[in-house]
Amino acid sequence: MAFFALQFAHAQLTDLARLEYTYLPKSKSEDSFNRFRGLINYPIKLKEDTYLVIGGEYSRIALDLEDKYPFDTSNFKRLHIIDFSLAYTFKVSEQWRLGAKITPRIASTLRHEITANDLFLNGGVYAIADRRDDESLNKPYRLIIGLTYNSTTGIPLPLPFVSYFRRVNDNWSYNLGVPKTNVKYFFNEKNIIQTYASIDGYFANAQEALLIDGKVAESVSLSIIVAGLGYEHCFTDHIVWYAYAGYSLKMNNRLRDKDREDVYNLDNDNALYLRTGIKLKI
């Protein structure tokens, strides 16, 4: 799930705190998925334009697997993902800022004591050119490029990351990148709608492994590509409520072995995707 490692460069770059709820009802199945997520980032100014950011994030994922499966699903009903993060960012010129982040993670069913199999390590390095507030530009922009590493992907190499935002005029902006691409329309600075495509998902260790058709399932994962519509309401310059409604274009919901190979596919039918939350941003 490489997109988890991109959160610093994308959402957490400006989010000081966030509370969020996500729900995937399944129209052709009794299964469903919901997630509560909260994060907090605390920036510490070391000197002019140089910050240390200490953060944490917790996700509680509920998998309601009500379809008939040839194994006991109770081990996967609750997943917990806990991140502790330490980031450092500083300016190298008037236009460019560099940043680095390391994120130890616990991702597990947590039915027993934590073991080494529940622990993961993510991180990344980034270069950021943020000129959204530059009044000398006709079309302000932000460019983020970097390399990210995520120990849950199964790829033992850093992955490239690029995100580009441009404000076209008073009413329109767009963002190209991963985990989210969007086009926004501003009725005003308080009410914004958008079309979007994004990636979401999770990966967690299963502390009680399952033997299925001669294979041992030791983890559970979901990756999903979603497209839809979103709305943001800015109560103030820093407090924003948002809501997204979409439909999955592709879903991989599966149990995997110790080598991250598929053991059993859960319900992968496309479904509605609903997400809402409130955030405090810089």
Protein backbone atom coordinates (compact mmCIF):
# COMPACT_ATOMS: atom_id res chain seq x y z
CA MET A 1 0.00 0.00 0.00
CA ALA A 2 2.41 2.65 -1.17
CA PHE A 3 -0.22 5.39 -0.89
CA PHE A 4 -0.02 5.26 2.93
CA ALA A 5 3.54 6.56 2.73
CA LEU A 6 2.40 9.50 0.60
CA GLN A 7 0.20 11.07 3.25
CA PHE A 8 2.90 13.40 4.55
CA ALA A 9 3.47 14.86 1.10
CA HIS A 10 -0.23 15.11 0.32
CA ALA A 11 -2.75 15.46 3.16
CA GLN A 12 -0.54 15.70 6.24
CA LEU A 13 1.55 18.42 4.67
CA THR A 14 -1.07 20.95 5.81
CA ASP A 15 -3.30 19.01 8.25
CA LEU A 16 -2.74 19.66 11.94
CA ALA A 17 -5.63 17.44 13.01
CA ARG A 18 -8.33 15.39 11.31
CA LEU A 19 -11.27 13.14 12.24
CA GLU A 20 -12.76 11.02 9.47
CA TYR A 21 -15.29 8.25 8.80
CA THR A 22 -15.34 6.01 5.70
CA TYR A 23 -18.06 3.50 4.75
CA LEU A 24 -18.30 0.98 1.89
CA PRO A 25 -21.72 -0.68 1.74
CA LYS A 26 -21.86 -3.70 -0.59
CA SER A 27 -24.93 -3.86 -2.81
CA LYS A 28 -24.35 -7.45 -4.01
CA SER A 29 -23.09 -8.85 -0.74
CA GLU A 30 -23.74 -8.89 2.99
CA ASP A 31 -20.18 -7.67 3.60
CA SER A 32 -19.33 -4.06 4.44
CA PHE A 33 -16.36 -1.98 5.53
CA ASN A 34 -16.11 1.08 7.76
CA ARG A 35 -13.20 2.99 9.20
CA PHE A 36 -12.75 5.65 11.86
CA ARG A 37 -9.52 7.57 11.51
CA GLY A 38 -7.91 10.36 13.50
CA LEU A 39 -4.58 12.12 13.18
CA ILE A 40 -2.68 14.92 14.83
CA ASN A 41 0.51 16.71 13.84
CA TYR A 42 2.42 19.05 16.12
CA PRO A 43 4.97 21.31 14.40
CA ILE A 44 7.91 22.58 16.44
CA LYS A 45 9.74 25.61 15.05
CA LEU A 46 13.49 25.08 15.33
CA LYS A 47 14.47 28.24 13.49
CA GLU A 48 13.17 30.43 10.67
CA ASP A 49 11.43 28.22 8.05
CA THR A 50 12.67 25.03 9.74
CA TYR A 51 10.30 22.69 11.56
CA LEU A 52 10.25 19.34 13.33
CA VAL A 53 6.80 17.73 13.11
CA ILE A 54 5.73 15.04 15.58
CA GLY A 55 2.58 13.18 14.63
CA GLY A 56 0.34 10.23 15.20
CA GLU A 57 -2.54 8.55 13.40
CA TYR A 58 -4.97 5.82 14.42
CA SER A 59 -7.38 3.89 12.21
CA ARG A 60 -9.95 1.41 13.48
CA ILE A 61 -11.28 -0.71 10.64
CA ALA A 62 -14.38 -2.88 10.99
CA LEU A 63 -14.85 -5.66 8.44
CA ASP A 64 -18.37 -7.03 8.59
CA LEU A 65 -17.89 -10.28 6.66
CA GLU A 66 -21.44 -11.66 6.66
CA ASP A 67 -21.20 -13.74 3.48
CA LYS A 68 -20.56 -17.45 3.85
CA TYR A 69 -16.83 -18.20 3.78
CA PRO A 70 -15.13 -21.61 4.23
CA PHE A 71 -13.29 -20.38 7.33
CA ASP A 72 -13.86 -18.44 10.53
CA THR A 73 -13.86 -14.70 9.74
CA SER A 74 -13.94 -13.46 13.35
CA ASN A 75 -10.15 -12.89 13.32
CA PHE A 76 -10.56 -10.15 10.70
CA LYS A 77 -13.52 -8.24 12.14
CA ARG A 78 -11.36 -5.50 13.70
CA LEU A 79 -8.11 -4.14 12.33
CA HIS A 80 -5.97 -1.48 13.97
CA ILE A 81 -3.40 0.74 12.27
CA ILE A 82 -1.30 2.99 14.52
CA ASP A 83 1.31 5.35 13.11
CA PHE A 84 3.94 7.36 14.95
CA SER A 85 5.71 9.88 12.76
CA LEU A 86 8.68 12.21 12.89
CA ALA A 87 9.24 14.70 10.07
CA TYR A 88 11.78 17.41 9.39
CA THR A 89 11.32 20.19 6.84
CA PHE A 90 13.33 23.26 5.92
CA LYS A 91 13.64 25.84 3.17
CA VAL A 92 16.58 25.70 0.78
CA SER A 93 15.53 28.70 -1.31
CA GLU A 94 12.65 31.12 -1.73
CA GLN A 95 10.86 28.60 -3.92
CA TRP A 96 11.91 25.16 -2.62
CA ARG A 97 11.49 23.32 0.66
CA LEU A 98 12.87 19.85 1.49
CA GLY A 99 11.26 17.38 3.85
CA ALA A 100 11.84 13.89 5.22
CA LYS A 101 9.60 11.65 7.29
CA ILE A 102 9.91 8.32 9.08
CA THR A 103 6.82 6.45 10.25
CA PRO A 104 6.95 3.32 12.44
CA ARG A 105 3.60 1.51 12.16
CA ILE A 106 1.58 -1.10 14.02
CA ALA A 107 -0.92 -2.76 11.67
CA SER A 108 -2.66 -5.79 13.10
CA THR A 109 -5.79 -7.51 14.27
CA LEU A 110 -4.36 -7.02 17.81
CA ARG A 111 -6.10 -10.02 19.31
CA HIS A 112 -2.95 -10.85 21.28
CA GLU A 113 0.28 -9.17 22.34
CA ILE A 114 2.16 -7.21 19.69
CA THR A 115 4.88 -9.18 17.87
CA ALA A 116 7.46 -8.32 15.21
CA ASN A 117 4.98 -9.35 12.50
CA ASP A 118 2.72 -6.45 13.53
CA LEU A 119 5.45 -3.83 13.04
CA PHE A 120 6.26 -1.99 9.82
CA LEU A 121 8.35 0.99 8.76
CA ASN A 122 7.43 3.66 6.19
CA GLY A 123 9.11 6.85 5.14
CA GLY A 124 9.93 9.29 2.40
CA VAL A 125 11.93 12.30 1.23
CA TYR A 126 10.33 15.19 -0.63
CA ALA A 127 11.06 18.43 -2.45
CA ILE A 128 8.23 20.97 -2.38
CA ALA A 129 7.75 24.15 -4.38
CA ASP A 130 4.68 25.83 -2.89
CA ARG A 131 3.76 29.07 -4.63
CA ARG A 132 0.02 29.07 -3.97
CA ASP A 133 0.26 32.39 -2.10
CA ASP A 134 2.58 34.09 -4.58
CA GLU A 135 0.61 37.12 -5.77
CA SER A 136 3.09 37.73 -8.59
CA LEU A 137 1.90 34.55 -10.34
CA ASN A 138 -1.13 34.59 -12.60
CA LYS A 139 -1.74 30.88 -11.89
CA PRO A 140 -0.37 29.84 -8.47
CA TYR A 141 0.86 26.26 -8.12
CA ARG A 142 2.40 23.64 -5.83
CA LEU A 143 4.74 20.88 -6.97
CA ILE A 144 5.82 17.96 -4.79
CA ILE A 145 8.34 15.35 -5.96
CA GLY A 146 9.93 12.65 -3.88
CA LEU A 147 10.71 9.05 -3.09
CA THR A 148 8.66 6.94 -0.66
CA TYR A 149 9.25 3.57 0.96
CA ASN A 150 6.56 1.36 2.42
CA SER A 151 7.37 -2.01 3.95
CA THR A 152 3.87 -3.41 3.28
CA THR A 153 4.06 -3.17 -0.52
CA GLY A 154 6.38 -6.13 -0.97
CA ILE A 155 8.58 -3.95 -3.23
CA PRO A 156 12.03 -3.56 -1.57
CA LEU A 157 12.75 -0.26 -3.34
CA PRO A 158 11.70 3.38 -2.92
CA LEU A 159 8.87 4.47 -5.21
CA PRO A 160 8.69 7.84 -6.99
CA PHE A 161 6.01 10.33 -6.06
CA VAL A 162 4.80 13.42 -7.96
CA SER A 163 1.88 15.75 -7.17
CA TYR A 164 1.08 18.96 -9.03
CA PHE A 165 -1.55 21.54 -8.04
CA ARG A 166 -2.51 24.64 -10.01
CA ARG A 167 -5.11 27.33 -9.35
CA VAL A 168 -6.35 28.23 -12.84
CA ASN A 169 -8.49 31.22 -11.84
CA ASP A 170 -10.86 32.35 -9.08
CA ASN A 171 -13.24 29.46 -9.79
CA TRP A 172 -11.13 26.50 -10.93
CA SER A 173 -8.16 24.45 -9.77
CA TYR A 174 -6.79 20.98 -10.42
CA ASN A 175 -4.43 18.53 -8.76
CA LEU A 176 -2.64 15.72 -10.62
CA GLY A 177 -1.01 12.93 -8.66
CA VAL A 178 -1.32 9.94 -6.35
CA PRO A 179 -3.14 9.12 -4.09
CA LYS A 180 -5.61 11.70 -5.40
CA THR A 181 -6.37 13.61 -8.59
CA ASN A 182 -9.15 16.20 -8.66
CA VAL A 183 -10.70 19.18 -10.37
CA LYS A 184 -12.27 21.76 -8.04
CA TYR A 185 -14.86 24.47 -8.62
CA PHE A 186 -14.97 27.33 -6.10
CA PHE A 187 -18.40 28.94 -5.64
CA ASN A 188 -16.43 31.10 -3.22
CA GLU A 189 -13.60 30.47 -0.79
CA LYS A 190 -15.98 28.78 1.65
CA ASN A 191 -17.90 26.38 -0.63
CA ILE A 192 -16.09 24.08 -3.04
CA ILE A 193 -17.16 21.07 -5.12
CA GLN A 194 -14.89 18.67 -6.94
CA THR A 195 -14.66 15.60 -9.12
CA TYR A 196 -11.95 13.22 -8.01
CA ALA A 197 -10.21 9.88 -8.46
CA SER A 198 -8.27 8.43 -5.54
CA ILE A 199 -6.66 5.35 -4.05
CA ASP A 200 -7.52 3.99 -0.62
CA GLY A 201 -6.94 0.80 1.35
CA TYR A 202 -5.13 -0.92 4.19
CA PHE A 203 -2.78 -3.77 5.07
CA ALA A 204 -2.67 -5.54 8.43
CA ASN A 205 -1.13 -8.62 9.99
CA ALA A 206 -3.50 -11.38 11.10
CA GLN A 207 -2.27 -12.59 14.48
CA GLU A 208 -4.28 -15.81 14.17
CA ALA A 209 -3.23 -17.30 10.83
CA LEU A 210 -5.71 -19.36 8.82
CA LEU A 211 -5.10 -22.54 6.85
CA ILE A 212 -7.12 -22.31 3.61
CA ASP A 213 -6.80 -25.02 0.94
CA GLY A 214 -3.31 -25.89 2.09
CA LYS A 215 -2.12 -22.26 2.21
CA VAL A 216 -1.59 -20.14 5.30
CA ALA A 217 -3.21 -16.67 5.34
CA GLU A 218 -1.20 -14.33 7.57
CA SER A 219 -2.43 -10.88 6.52
CA VAL A 220 -5.44 -9.07 5.09
CA SER A 221 -5.40 -6.17 2.64
CA LEU A 222 -7.67 -3.93 0.60
CA SER A 223 -6.73 -1.69 -2.31
CA ILE A 224 -9.41 0.32 -4.04
CA ILE A 225 -9.56 2.89 -6.84
CA VAL A 226 -12.49 5.30 -6.46
CA ALA A 227 -14.00 8.10 -8.55
CA GLY A 228 -16.78 10.47 -7.55
CA LEU A 229 -17.85 13.88 -6.30
CA GLY A 230 -16.81 15.85 -3.23
CA TYR A 231 -17.84 18.93 -1.29
CA GLU A 232 -15.89 21.12 1.13
CA HIS A 233 -17.19 23.82 3.44
CA CYS A 234 -14.64 26.10 5.10
CA PHE A 235 -16.00 27.35 8.42
CA THR A 236 -12.82 29.42 8.80
CA ASP A 237 -9.51 29.62 6.98
CA HIS A 238 -8.34 26.66 9.07
CA ILE A 239 -11.41 24.49 9.85
CA VAL A 240 -12.90 22.48 6.96
CA TRP A 241 -15.73 19.95 6.76
CA TYR A 242 -15.65 17.63 3.75
CA ALA A 243 -17.77 14.85 2.25
CA TYR A 244 -17.10 12.51 -0.67
CA ALA A 245 -19.41 10.13 -2.49
CA GLY A 246 -18.02 7.82 -5.14
CA TYR A 247 -17.99 4.38 -6.67
CA SER A 248 -15.11 1.95 -6.80
CA LEU A 249 -13.57 1.32 -10.21
CA LYS A 250 -11.36 -1.53 -9.03
CA MET A 251 -11.17 -3.39 -5.73
CA ASN A 252 -8.76 -6.03 -4.43
CA ASN A 253 -9.85 -7.41 -1.07
CA ARG A 254 -7.83 -10.46 -0.11
CA LEU A 255 -6.04 -12.64 2.41
CA ARG A 256 -2.31 -13.10 1.78
CA ASP A 257 0.51 -15.39 2.91
CA LYS A 258 3.86 -14.41 4.45
CA ASP A 259 5.26 -13.64 0.97
CA ARG A 260 2.29 -11.33 0.18
CA GLU A 261 0.92 -13.84 -2.33
CA ASP A 262 -2.86 -14.23 -2.63
CA VAL A 263 -4.44 -16.98 -0.55
CA TYR A 264 -8.13 -16.11 -0.77
CA ASN A 265 -10.07 -13.31 -2.47
CA LEU A 266 -12.85 -11.79 -0.38
CA ASP A 267 -15.79 -9.94 -1.95
CA ASN A 268 -14.33 -7.78 -4.74
CA ASP A 269 -17.56 -6.46 -6.27
CA ASN A 270 -17.44 -2.72 -6.90
CA ALA A 271 -19.42 -0.65 -4.41
CA LEU A 272 -20.38 2.79 -3.17
CA TYR A 273 -17.71 4.75 -1.32
CA LEU A 274 -18.70 7.34 1.31
CA ARG A 275 -16.26 9.45 3.32
CA THR A 276 -16.70 12.48 5.55
CA GLY A 277 -14.68 14.31 8.15
CA ILE A 278 -13.47 17.57 9.61
CA LYS A 279 -9.91 18.84 9.63
CA LEU A 280 -7.79 21.60 11.08
CA LYS A 281 -5.26 22.81 8.53
CA ILE A 282 -2.46 25.34 8.47
